Amino acid sequence: MKKDISLSDLISESNIVHDYDPNAMSVEKAKTWIANFLKPSDQQEIIHIKDALHRIVAESIKASINVPNHDNSAMDGYAININILNGDGPFSLKVTGKLLAGNQLEGNANEAVRIMTGASIPFGLNAVIPQEHVELNEGVITFKIKPHINQNIRRLGEDIKSGQVVFQSGRKIEPCDLGLLASLGIDSIKVYRKIKVAFFSTGDEIVSLGNPLSAGQVFDSNRYSLIGLLKRLDVEAIDLGVIPDNKKVIEDTLKKASDMADVVITTGGVSVGEADYMKEILKKIGEILFWKISMKPGRPLAYGKIGHCHYFGLPGNPVSTMVTFYQFVREAILTLSGQTPIPKTPLIRAQLLSPIKKVPGRTEFQRGIYEQGHEGTFKVSPHKDQGSGILRSMSEANCFIVLHEDTANLEKDMWVDIQLFDSLF
């Protein structure tokens, strides 16, 4: 378990303080520093498996039975004893019974039994011939090829053995896992409680839906983007609305949010404008690690803590809000939720279909549109609109083109890394 550490302790460490630059912290360094303060929740609850989709397992789960719990037929056919078959065939056997799934039948090791998928294999029989491979005539089957021992038989415990660990603590439950748990007779499991995330937008120019717009105002899109992103992470989302540019109101809202949540996310108010109060307030009621990241879009990004609550101050521009959430907040929430290992967003190599201009010194996440050719290679074009206020570009794009810190101008046909939007969750 990771021990608690204060932000001031980290910044004061001699091997870090010399290269600490809050105005130009790299993306990778910021991720590393945030990771120092992330400790998974230790609060657990027991829930029914029907409610367990996407929850995180809090203790390892062992099988108490074998699956399957008996040898059974993998198909409709005829159960036989191959040990009585001599020569090269064809072979003929009398059919002496019929066995459906869920029933029992005493077999004769010298005869055949008509058997259906899932039915128990009678004692002394050791293979199943598919019904398509036999000829049936007056209660006698004839077949040409001798089957192998245990052919078309599902053996006891071949799926899961009693005592086997089926899920380790930290696993995220997927739809197939619900069926697997049910196959073991498990109806309830212990999971970590859902992480609580409180969020709000700041700014006198931001208007909630349903209210009229005045001159110079815009509708609040960031909260709705965050609602969608948080739903994908299966957290308990607490929407605190739009907060005006008022120091007292912002401070009170931050205190309220930090008392009720594990993570607080704000959008706007972390830049350097006269009405951007967040930095001043956070220094008063909490601790701050950094304010600016060497990246585009999303340079004004804040991370800190208010008591035990983690704080992320995201930029106000809608594209910057989503980029910084994807690159920083997503992984932090997954860690706090107890999921292990944290699924890393894969970088896929793609060939540029048009050139990109870039100055080295910062990481850029350009919106891109990729396609996969018949030969399996990815090709990508940067979206024509890369402004951080053009939210439409996020809807029209399907990936980020990741331009690393040391990357300079790129020509057509050069290779770049991309992150597929579908792989970000």
Protein backbone atom coordinates (compact mmCIF):
# COMPACT_ATOMS: atom_id res chain seq x y z
CA MET A 1 0.00 0.00 0.00
CA LYS A 2 1.38 3.36 -0.99
CA LYS A 3 2.10 5.60 1.97
CA ASP A 4 0.62 9.07 2.24
CA ILE A 5 2.88 11.87 1.04
CA SER A 6 2.32 15.61 0.92
CA LEU A 7 2.91 17.74 -2.16
CA SER A 8 5.35 19.89 -0.23
CA ASP A 9 7.38 16.79 0.69
CA LEU A 10 7.73 15.82 -2.94
CA ILE A 11 8.69 19.26 -4.19
CA SER A 12 11.29 19.61 -1.43
CA GLU A 13 13.07 16.35 -2.28
CA SER A 14 16.58 17.24 -3.35
CA ASN A 15 16.60 15.02 -6.40
CA ILE A 16 13.46 16.70 -7.76
CA VAL A 17 13.51 20.32 -6.74
CA HIS A 18 16.39 21.31 -9.05
CA ASP A 19 14.51 20.46 -12.26
CA TYR A 20 11.04 21.47 -11.03
CA ASP A 21 9.62 24.10 -13.41
CA PRO A 22 5.91 24.77 -12.95
CA ASN A 23 5.82 26.73 -16.20
CA ALA A 24 7.13 23.93 -18.40
CA MET A 25 6.50 20.56 -16.82
CA SER A 26 6.55 17.77 -19.40
CA VAL A 27 3.54 15.51 -19.91
CA GLU A 28 5.39 12.40 -18.73
CA LYS A 29 6.80 14.10 -15.64
CA ALA A 30 3.37 15.41 -14.70
CA LYS A 31 1.90 11.89 -14.99
CA THR A 32 4.71 10.50 -12.84
CA TRP A 33 4.26 13.13 -10.15
CA ILE A 34 0.49 12.66 -10.00
CA ALA A 35 1.04 8.92 -9.58
CA ASN A 36 2.91 9.58 -6.32
CA PHE A 37 -0.34 10.70 -4.66
CA LEU A 38 -2.73 8.07 -5.96
CA LYS A 39 -3.76 5.39 -3.48
CA PRO A 40 -6.64 3.03 -4.31
CA SER A 41 -9.72 3.18 -2.14
CA ASP A 42 -9.84 0.58 0.64
CA GLN A 43 -13.61 0.84 1.13
CA GLN A 44 -15.53 -2.21 -0.06
CA GLU A 45 -19.07 -3.46 -0.45
CA ILE A 46 -20.81 -6.71 -1.36
CA ILE A 47 -23.12 -6.57 -4.37
CA HIS A 48 -25.11 -9.03 -6.48
CA ILE A 49 -23.39 -10.00 -9.71
CA LYS A 50 -26.26 -8.54 -11.76
CA ASP A 51 -25.08 -5.13 -10.50
CA ALA A 52 -21.36 -5.85 -10.87
CA LEU A 53 -20.73 -4.85 -14.49
CA HIS A 54 -17.59 -2.64 -14.68
CA ARG A 55 -17.07 -2.78 -10.90
CA ILE A 56 -13.61 -3.59 -9.50
CA VAL A 57 -13.08 -6.87 -7.63
CA ALA A 58 -11.88 -6.19 -4.07
CA GLU A 59 -10.67 -9.69 -3.17
CA SER A 60 -9.58 -12.68 -5.20
CA ILE A 61 -12.39 -15.03 -6.21
CA LYS A 62 -11.85 -18.81 -6.11
CA ALA A 63 -13.96 -21.52 -7.69
CA SER A 64 -15.64 -23.87 -5.21
CA ILE A 65 -16.74 -26.33 -7.91
CA ASN A 66 -15.47 -27.76 -11.17
CA VAL A 67 -16.82 -26.37 -14.44
CA PRO A 68 -18.16 -28.46 -16.01
CA ASN A 69 -18.96 -30.57 -12.95
CA HIS A 70 -19.29 -33.77 -15.02
CA ASP A 71 -18.04 -35.22 -18.29
CA ASN A 72 -20.60 -34.26 -20.93
CA SER A 73 -21.17 -34.32 -24.65
CA ALA A 74 -20.02 -31.38 -26.73
CA MET A 75 -22.59 -32.13 -29.46
CA ASP A 76 -25.55 -34.21 -30.52
CA GLY A 77 -24.42 -37.68 -31.51
CA TYR A 78 -23.68 -41.13 -30.17
CA ALA A 79 -21.58 -42.01 -27.11
CA ILE A 80 -19.45 -45.13 -27.55
CA ASN A 81 -16.53 -47.06 -26.08
CA ILE A 82 -13.70 -46.89 -28.63
CA ASN A 83 -11.84 -49.71 -26.88
CA ILE A 84 -14.21 -52.31 -28.40
CA LEU A 85 -13.59 -51.14 -31.97
CA ASN A 86 -11.21 -53.46 -33.81
CA GLY A 87 -9.73 -53.14 -37.28
CA ASP A 88 -10.03 -50.25 -39.69
CA GLY A 89 -13.79 -50.03 -40.04
CA PRO A 90 -16.48 -49.59 -41.01
CA PHE A 91 -17.89 -50.18 -37.52
CA SER A 92 -21.41 -51.02 -36.40
CA LEU A 93 -22.95 -50.71 -32.92
CA LYS A 94 -26.43 -51.18 -31.56
CA VAL A 95 -28.10 -48.09 -30.03
CA THR A 96 -29.52 -49.04 -26.63
CA GLY A 97 -30.76 -45.78 -25.17
CA LYS A 98 -31.28 -42.04 -25.47
CA LEU A 99 -29.84 -39.45 -23.10
CA LEU A 100 -30.91 -35.80 -22.82
CA ALA A 101 -29.07 -33.08 -20.88
CA GLY A 102 -29.91 -33.17 -17.19
CA ASN A 103 -30.72 -36.88 -17.12
CA GLN A 104 -28.79 -40.00 -16.21
CA LEU A 105 -28.53 -43.28 -18.08
CA GLU A 106 -26.61 -46.48 -17.42
CA GLY A 107 -24.55 -47.21 -20.50
CA ASN A 108 -23.42 -50.51 -21.91
CA ALA A 109 -19.71 -50.43 -22.69
CA ASN A 110 -20.33 -52.66 -25.72
CA GLU A 111 -23.09 -50.58 -27.28
CA ALA A 112 -23.91 -46.98 -28.35
CA VAL A 113 -26.12 -44.41 -26.63
CA ARG A 114 -27.94 -41.61 -28.43
CA ILE A 115 -26.77 -38.46 -26.60
CA MET A 116 -27.58 -34.76 -26.77
CA THR A 117 -25.33 -31.75 -26.17
CA GLY A 118 -24.60 -31.26 -22.48
CA ALA A 119 -25.75 -34.70 -21.40
CA SER A 120 -23.55 -36.67 -18.97
CA ILE A 121 -21.35 -39.33 -20.50
CA PRO A 122 -22.42 -42.78 -19.20
CA PHE A 123 -19.80 -44.81 -17.35
CA GLY A 124 -17.62 -46.88 -19.66
CA LEU A 125 -18.15 -44.69 -22.76
CA ASN A 126 -15.29 -42.45 -23.86
CA ALA A 127 -16.07 -40.72 -27.17
CA VAL A 128 -18.95 -39.08 -28.99
CA ILE A 129 -19.48 -39.47 -32.73
CA PRO A 130 -21.37 -36.54 -34.33
CA GLN A 131 -24.73 -37.59 -35.69
CA GLU A 132 -23.71 -36.34 -39.14
CA HIS A 133 -20.93 -38.97 -39.27
CA VAL A 134 -23.13 -42.05 -38.83
CA GLU A 135 -25.79 -43.96 -40.70
CA LEU A 136 -28.70 -45.21 -38.60
CA ASN A 137 -30.60 -48.26 -39.76
CA GLU A 138 -33.06 -50.18 -37.57
CA GLY A 139 -31.41 -49.16 -34.31
CA VAL A 140 -27.83 -49.77 -35.47
CA ILE A 141 -25.29 -47.05 -36.30
CA THR A 142 -22.54 -47.52 -38.85
CA PHE A 143 -19.49 -45.25 -39.13
CA LYS A 144 -16.24 -45.44 -41.03
CA ILE A 145 -13.62 -43.69 -38.88
CA LYS A 146 -12.66 -44.67 -35.34
CA PRO A 147 -12.75 -41.55 -33.08
CA HIS A 148 -10.04 -40.57 -30.63
CA ILE A 149 -10.50 -41.14 -26.91
CA ASN A 150 -12.49 -38.29 -25.29
CA GLN A 151 -13.35 -36.90 -28.71
CA ASN A 152 -16.25 -34.40 -28.47
CA ILE A 153 -16.39 -34.80 -24.68
CA ARG A 154 -16.14 -31.85 -22.32
CA ARG A 155 -14.15 -33.17 -19.38
CA LEU A 156 -14.88 -32.44 -15.75
CA GLY A 157 -13.08 -29.22 -14.73
CA GLU A 158 -11.66 -28.49 -18.19
CA ASP A 159 -13.03 -24.93 -18.05
CA ILE A 160 -12.40 -24.19 -14.36
CA LYS A 161 -11.04 -26.43 -11.62
CA SER A 162 -12.27 -26.30 -8.04
CA GLY A 163 -9.92 -24.11 -5.98
CA GLN A 164 -8.69 -22.18 -9.01
CA VAL A 165 -8.43 -18.37 -8.71
CA VAL A 166 -10.69 -17.08 -11.44
CA PHE A 167 -10.36 -13.33 -10.76
CA GLN A 168 -7.61 -11.46 -8.94
CA SER A 169 -8.34 -8.41 -6.83
CA GLY A 170 -8.32 -5.35 -9.07
CA ARG A 171 -10.06 -6.91 -12.03
CA LYS A 172 -12.72 -4.89 -13.81
CA ILE A 173 -15.82 -7.02 -14.33
CA GLU A 174 -16.87 -7.39 -17.98
CA PRO A 175 -20.08 -8.94 -19.38
CA CYS A 176 -18.48 -12.36 -19.94
CA ASP A 177 -17.32 -12.38 -16.31
CA LEU A 178 -20.91 -12.22 -15.07
CA GLY A 179 -21.70 -15.46 -16.85
CA LEU A 180 -18.52 -17.07 -15.55
CA LEU A 181 -19.41 -16.15 -11.96
CA ALA A 182 -22.90 -17.52 -12.45
CA SER A 183 -21.46 -20.79 -13.81
CA LEU A 184 -19.68 -21.17 -10.46
CA GLY A 185 -22.84 -20.59 -8.47
CA ILE A 186 -21.54 -17.23 -7.20
CA ASP A 187 -24.31 -14.67 -6.80
CA SER A 188 -22.51 -11.93 -4.81
CA ILE A 189 -18.96 -10.55 -4.83
CA LYS A 190 -16.94 -8.02 -2.86
CA VAL A 191 -16.00 -4.90 -4.85
CA TYR A 192 -14.41 -1.53 -4.17
CA ARG A 193 -16.91 1.24 -3.72
CA LYS A 194 -17.37 3.60 -6.63
CA ILE A 195 -15.11 6.64 -6.70
CA LYS A 196 -17.02 9.89 -6.21
CA VAL A 197 -16.16 12.71 -8.61
CA ALA A 198 -17.59 16.19 -8.11
CA PHE A 199 -17.28 18.68 -10.95
CA PHE A 200 -18.33 22.17 -11.92
CA SER A 201 -17.64 24.87 -14.49
CA THR A 202 -16.50 28.37 -13.63
CA GLY A 203 -17.01 31.69 -15.35
CA ASP A 204 -19.55 34.51 -15.64
CA GLU A 205 -19.68 33.86 -19.38
CA ILE A 206 -20.87 30.25 -18.92
CA VAL A 207 -24.62 29.58 -19.01
CA SER A 208 -26.37 26.33 -18.09
CA LEU A 209 -28.76 24.75 -20.55
CA GLY A 210 -32.30 26.04 -20.29
CA ASN A 211 -31.25 29.62 -19.54
CA PRO A 212 -31.14 32.46 -22.08
CA LEU A 213 -27.82 33.67 -23.48
CA SER A 214 -26.78 37.29 -23.02
CA ALA A 215 -24.21 39.05 -25.16
CA GLY A 216 -20.74 37.51 -24.66
CA GLN A 217 -22.04 34.33 -23.04
CA VAL A 218 -21.85 30.70 -24.18
CA PHE A 219 -23.64 27.51 -23.19
CA ASP A 220 -21.73 25.21 -20.87
CA SER A 221 -20.56 22.28 -23.00
CA ASN A 222 -17.71 21.13 -20.75
CA ARG A 223 -19.93 19.69 -18.02
CA TYR A 224 -21.75 17.53 -20.52
CA SER A 225 -18.51 16.26 -22.03
CA LEU A 226 -17.37 15.42 -18.49
CA ILE A 227 -20.64 13.64 -17.73
CA GLY A 228 -20.06 11.39 -20.72
CA LEU A 229 -16.41 10.77 -19.86
CA LEU A 230 -17.20 9.97 -16.22
CA LYS A 231 -20.01 7.59 -17.18
CA ARG A 232 -17.49 5.64 -19.25
CA LEU A 233 -15.42 5.25 -16.07
CA ASP A 234 -18.41 4.08 -14.00
CA VAL A 235 -17.90 6.54 -11.15
CA GLU A 236 -20.45 8.31 -8.97
CA ALA A 237 -20.59 11.69 -10.70
CA ILE A 238 -21.74 14.74 -8.73
CA ASP A 239 -22.67 17.68 -10.97
CA LEU A 240 -22.38 20.99 -9.09
CA GLY A 241 -23.33 23.16 -12.07
CA VAL A 242 -21.87 26.51 -13.11
CA ILE A 243 -20.12 28.68 -10.50
CA PRO A 244 -19.64 32.43 -11.16
CA ASP A 245 -16.30 34.22 -11.00
CA ASN A 246 -16.64 35.02 -7.31
CA LYS A 247 -13.80 34.07 -4.95
CA LYS A 248 -16.02 33.34 -1.96
CA VAL A 249 -18.48 31.23 -3.94
CA ILE A 250 -15.69 29.28 -5.65
CA GLU A 251 -13.91 28.65 -2.34
CA ASP A 252 -17.12 27.47 -0.66
CA THR A 253 -17.94 25.20 -3.59
CA LEU A 254 -14.45 23.66 -3.58
CA LYS A 255 -14.71 22.96 0.16
CA LYS A 256 -18.16 21.42 -0.29
CA ALA A 257 -16.97 19.31 -3.23
CA SER A 258 -13.85 18.06 -1.42
CA ASP A 259 -15.96 17.01 1.58
CA MET A 260 -18.25 14.82 -0.53
CA ALA A 261 -15.91 13.45 -3.21
CA ASP A 262 -12.62 11.66 -3.84
CA VAL A 263 -11.85 13.81 -6.88
CA VAL A 264 -12.86 17.35 -7.77
CA ILE A 265 -12.71 18.55 -11.38
CA THR A 266 -13.21 22.12 -12.45
CA THR A 267 -13.12 23.60 -15.93
CA GLY A 268 -11.94 27.14 -16.50
CA GLY A 269 -10.33 29.53 -14.07
CA VAL A 270 -6.82 28.03 -14.13
CA SER A 271 -5.25 30.42 -16.59
CA VAL A 272 -3.72 33.84 -15.85
CA GLY A 273 -6.66 36.17 -16.45
CA GLU A 274 -7.75 38.71 -13.88
CA ALA A 275 -10.83 36.63 -13.01
CA ASP A 276 -8.97 33.29 -12.81
CA TYR A 277 -9.07 32.85 -9.04
CA MET A 278 -8.48 29.15 -8.73
CA LYS A 279 -4.74 29.29 -8.09
CA GLU A 280 -5.12 31.78 -5.25
CA ILE A 281 -7.96 29.81 -3.66
CA LEU A 282 -6.22 26.43 -3.93
CA LYS A 283 -3.09 27.80 -2.26
CA LYS A 284 -5.31 28.91 0.63
CA ILE A 285 -7.33 25.72 1.19
CA GLY A 286 -5.09 23.01 -0.24
CA GLU A 287 -1.81 22.17 -1.96
CA ILE A 288 -0.83 22.60 -5.59
CA LEU A 289 1.75 20.60 -7.53
CA PHE A 290 1.72 22.34 -10.92
CA TRP A 291 -0.25 24.76 -13.06
CA LYS A 292 1.15 24.55 -16.54
CA ILE A 293 2.09 21.61 -18.75
CA SER A 294 4.32 21.69 -21.78
CA MET A 295 1.56 20.47 -24.09
CA LYS A 296 -0.97 21.63 -26.67
CA PRO A 297 -3.87 21.87 -26.26
CA GLY A 298 -4.22 21.97 -22.50
CA ARG A 299 -1.29 24.03 -21.21
CA PRO A 300 -3.16 25.51 -18.20
CA LEU A 301 -3.71 22.32 -16.20
CA ALA A 302 -3.69 22.23 -12.41
CA TYR A 303 -3.27 19.29 -10.07
CA GLY A 304 -3.31 19.37 -6.30
CA LYS A 305 -5.10 18.16 -3.20
CA ILE A 306 -7.69 19.58 -0.85
CA GLY A 307 -7.32 17.47 2.25
CA HIS A 308 -7.57 13.86 1.04
CA CYS A 309 -9.41 14.89 -2.13
CA HIS A 310 -7.59 15.08 -5.47
CA TYR A 311 -8.09 18.23 -7.51
CA PHE A 312 -7.82 18.61 -11.29
CA GLY A 313 -8.27 22.06 -12.75
CA LEU A 314 -8.88 21.60 -16.46
CA PRO A 315 -8.72 24.37 -19.06
CA GLY A 316 -11.92 26.10 -20.11
CA ASN A 317 -11.59 25.55 -23.85
CA PRO A 318 -13.74 22.48 -24.66
CA VAL A 319 -11.13 20.54 -26.65
CA SER A 320 -8.48 21.22 -24.00
CA THR A 321 -10.89 19.92 -21.34
CA MET A 322 -11.27 16.60 -23.14
CA VAL A 323 -7.58 16.20 -24.04
CA THR A 324 -6.40 16.79 -20.46
CA PHE A 325 -9.07 14.46 -19.09
CA TYR A 326 -8.00 11.69 -21.46
CA GLN A 327 -4.28 12.14 -20.77
CA PHE A 328 -4.30 12.75 -17.00
CA VAL A 329 -7.63 12.32 -15.21
CA ARG A 330 -8.66 8.98 -16.74
CA GLU A 331 -5.64 7.08 -15.43
CA ALA A 332 -5.84 8.75 -12.01
CA ILE A 333 -9.49 7.74 -11.53
CA LEU A 334 -8.80 4.16 -12.63
CA THR A 335 -5.97 3.95 -10.10
CA LEU A 336 -8.11 5.33 -7.27
CA SER A 337 -10.85 2.86 -8.21
CA GLY A 338 -8.52 -0.04 -7.44
CA GLN A 339 -8.25 -1.41 -10.97
CA THR A 340 -5.03 -3.32 -11.69
CA PRO A 341 -3.29 -3.30 -13.97
CA ILE A 342 -4.27 0.11 -15.30
CA PRO A 343 -5.01 -0.30 -19.02
CA LYS A 344 -2.53 1.86 -20.87
CA THR A 345 -3.69 3.62 -24.00
CA PRO A 346 -1.89 1.89 -26.87
CA LEU A 347 0.13 3.94 -29.34
CA ILE A 348 -0.36 2.75 -32.90
CA ARG A 349 1.99 3.64 -35.74
CA ALA A 350 0.31 5.39 -38.65
CA GLN A 351 1.51 6.99 -41.88
CA LEU A 352 0.74 10.66 -42.42
CA LEU A 353 -1.42 11.57 -45.42
CA SER A 354 -0.52 15.25 -45.14
CA PRO A 355 2.34 17.23 -43.51
CA ILE A 356 2.26 18.67 -39.97
CA LYS A 357 4.08 21.74 -38.71
CA LYS A 358 5.45 21.53 -35.17
CA VAL A 359 8.15 23.19 -33.09
CA PRO A 360 10.10 20.89 -30.71
CA GLY A 361 9.76 21.48 -26.98
CA ARG A 362 6.23 20.41 -26.13
CA THR A 363 3.91 17.46 -26.63
CA GLU A 364 0.95 17.99 -28.94
CA PHE A 365 -2.25 15.99 -29.26
CA GLN A 366 -3.70 16.85 -32.64
CA ARG A 367 -7.09 15.56 -33.65
CA GLY A 368 -6.80 13.13 -36.52
CA ILE A 369 -8.87 10.93 -38.81
CA TYR A 370 -7.38 7.50 -39.37
CA GLU A 371 -8.22 4.72 -41.78
CA GLN A 372 -6.89 1.19 -42.01
CA GLY A 373 -5.81 -0.06 -45.41
CA HIS A 374 -6.38 -3.53 -46.83
CA GLU A 375 -2.80 -4.42 -45.94
CA GLY A 376 -3.51 -3.64 -42.28
CA THR A 377 -1.47 -0.45 -41.98
CA PHE A 378 -2.96 2.71 -40.49
CA LYS A 379 -2.98 6.03 -42.32
CA VAL A 380 -3.95 9.31 -40.68
CA SER A 381 -4.79 12.88 -41.64
CA PRO A 382 -4.78 15.78 -39.17
CA HIS A 383 -8.16 17.46 -38.84
CA LYS A 384 -8.18 20.79 -40.67
CA ASP A 385 -9.37 22.64 -37.53
CA GLN A 386 -7.01 22.29 -34.56
CA GLY A 387 -8.24 25.23 -32.49
CA SER A 388 -8.84 24.34 -28.83
CA GLY A 389 -12.31 25.91 -28.96
CA ILE A 390 -13.55 23.89 -31.94
CA LEU A 391 -15.41 21.06 -30.21
CA ARG A 392 -16.82 19.88 -33.54
CA SER A 393 -13.33 18.63 -34.43
CA MET A 394 -13.51 16.10 -31.55
CA SER A 395 -16.75 14.71 -32.95
CA GLU A 396 -15.38 14.48 -36.49
CA ALA A 397 -12.00 13.02 -35.48
CA ASN A 398 -11.44 9.43 -34.35
CA CYS A 399 -7.94 9.63 -32.89
CA PHE A 400 -5.23 11.81 -31.41
CA ILE A 401 -2.02 12.23 -33.36
CA VAL A 402 0.59 12.21 -30.59
CA LEU A 403 3.49 14.50 -31.46
CA HIS A 404 6.15 13.92 -28.85
CA GLU A 405 8.16 16.66 -27.18
CA ASP A 406 11.22 16.36 -29.44
CA THR A 407 9.24 16.02 -32.68
CA ALA A 408 9.68 18.75 -35.32
CA ASN A 409 7.94 19.32 -38.66
CA LEU A 410 6.69 16.15 -40.31
CA GLU A 411 6.32 15.50 -44.02
CA LYS A 412 3.66 13.48 -45.82
CA ASP A 413 4.26 9.70 -45.61
CA MET A 414 6.28 9.97 -42.38
CA TRP A 415 5.22 7.77 -39.45
CA VAL A 416 3.60 9.03 -36.24
CA ASP A 417 1.96 7.60 -33.10
CA ILE A 418 -1.81 7.77 -32.77
CA GLN A 419 -4.26 7.03 -29.93
CA LEU A 420 -7.59 5.68 -31.11
CA PHE A 421 -10.53 7.27 -29.30
CA ASP A 422 -12.12 3.82 -28.95
CA SER A 423 -9.05 2.61 -27.02
CA LEU A 424 -9.10 5.39 -24.42
CA PHE A 425 -11.57 3.46 -22.23
